[in-house]
Amino acid sequence: MLYQEAVLQLPTSFINSFILIIAQLPGYVAAENGIS
């Protein structure tokens, strides 16, 4: 993999991971509130 391609893909993978975490937060909070 070229260095430039790696640099371009890093922000994308980071943003995708961040979006996945944010998408899972409401369900996690709802589960925590439901238990307690």
Protein backbone atom coordinates (compact mmCIF):
# COMPACT_ATOMS: atom_id res chain seq x y z
CA MET A 1 0.00 0.00 0.00
CA LEU A 2 1.26 3.45 -0.84
CA TYR A 3 1.89 5.85 2.02
CA GLN A 4 -0.50 8.40 0.51
CA GLU A 5 -3.28 5.82 0.27
CA ALA A 6 -2.75 4.83 3.89
CA VAL A 7 -2.97 8.47 4.99
CA LEU A 8 -6.19 8.91 3.04
CA GLN A 9 -7.75 5.77 4.48
CA LEU A 10 -6.88 6.46 8.12
CA PRO A 11 -9.37 9.31 8.64
CA THR A 12 -12.09 7.31 6.87
CA SER A 13 -11.64 4.25 9.08
CA PHE A 14 -11.49 6.44 12.18
CA ILE A 15 -14.70 8.26 11.21
CA ASN A 16 -16.44 4.95 10.44
CA SER A 17 -15.44 3.56 13.84
CA PHE A 18 -16.59 6.75 15.53
CA ILE A 19 -19.97 6.58 13.77
CA LEU A 20 -20.39 2.93 14.81
CA ILE A 21 -19.65 3.79 18.45
CA ILE A 22 -22.07 6.73 18.41
CA ALA A 23 -24.74 4.55 16.80
CA GLN A 24 -24.39 1.98 19.59
CA LEU A 25 -24.47 4.50 22.46
CA PRO A 26 -28.28 4.96 22.63
CA GLY A 27 -28.84 1.19 22.90
CA TYR A 28 -26.14 0.90 25.57
CA VAL A 29 -27.61 3.76 27.61
CA ALA A 30 -31.11 2.32 27.25
CA ALA A 31 -29.91 -1.08 28.45
CA GLU A 32 -28.11 0.46 31.44
CA ASN A 33 -31.17 2.51 32.37
CA GLY A 34 -33.43 -0.52 31.93
CA ILE A 35 -31.31 -2.63 34.29
CA SER A 36 -31.04 0.05 36.95
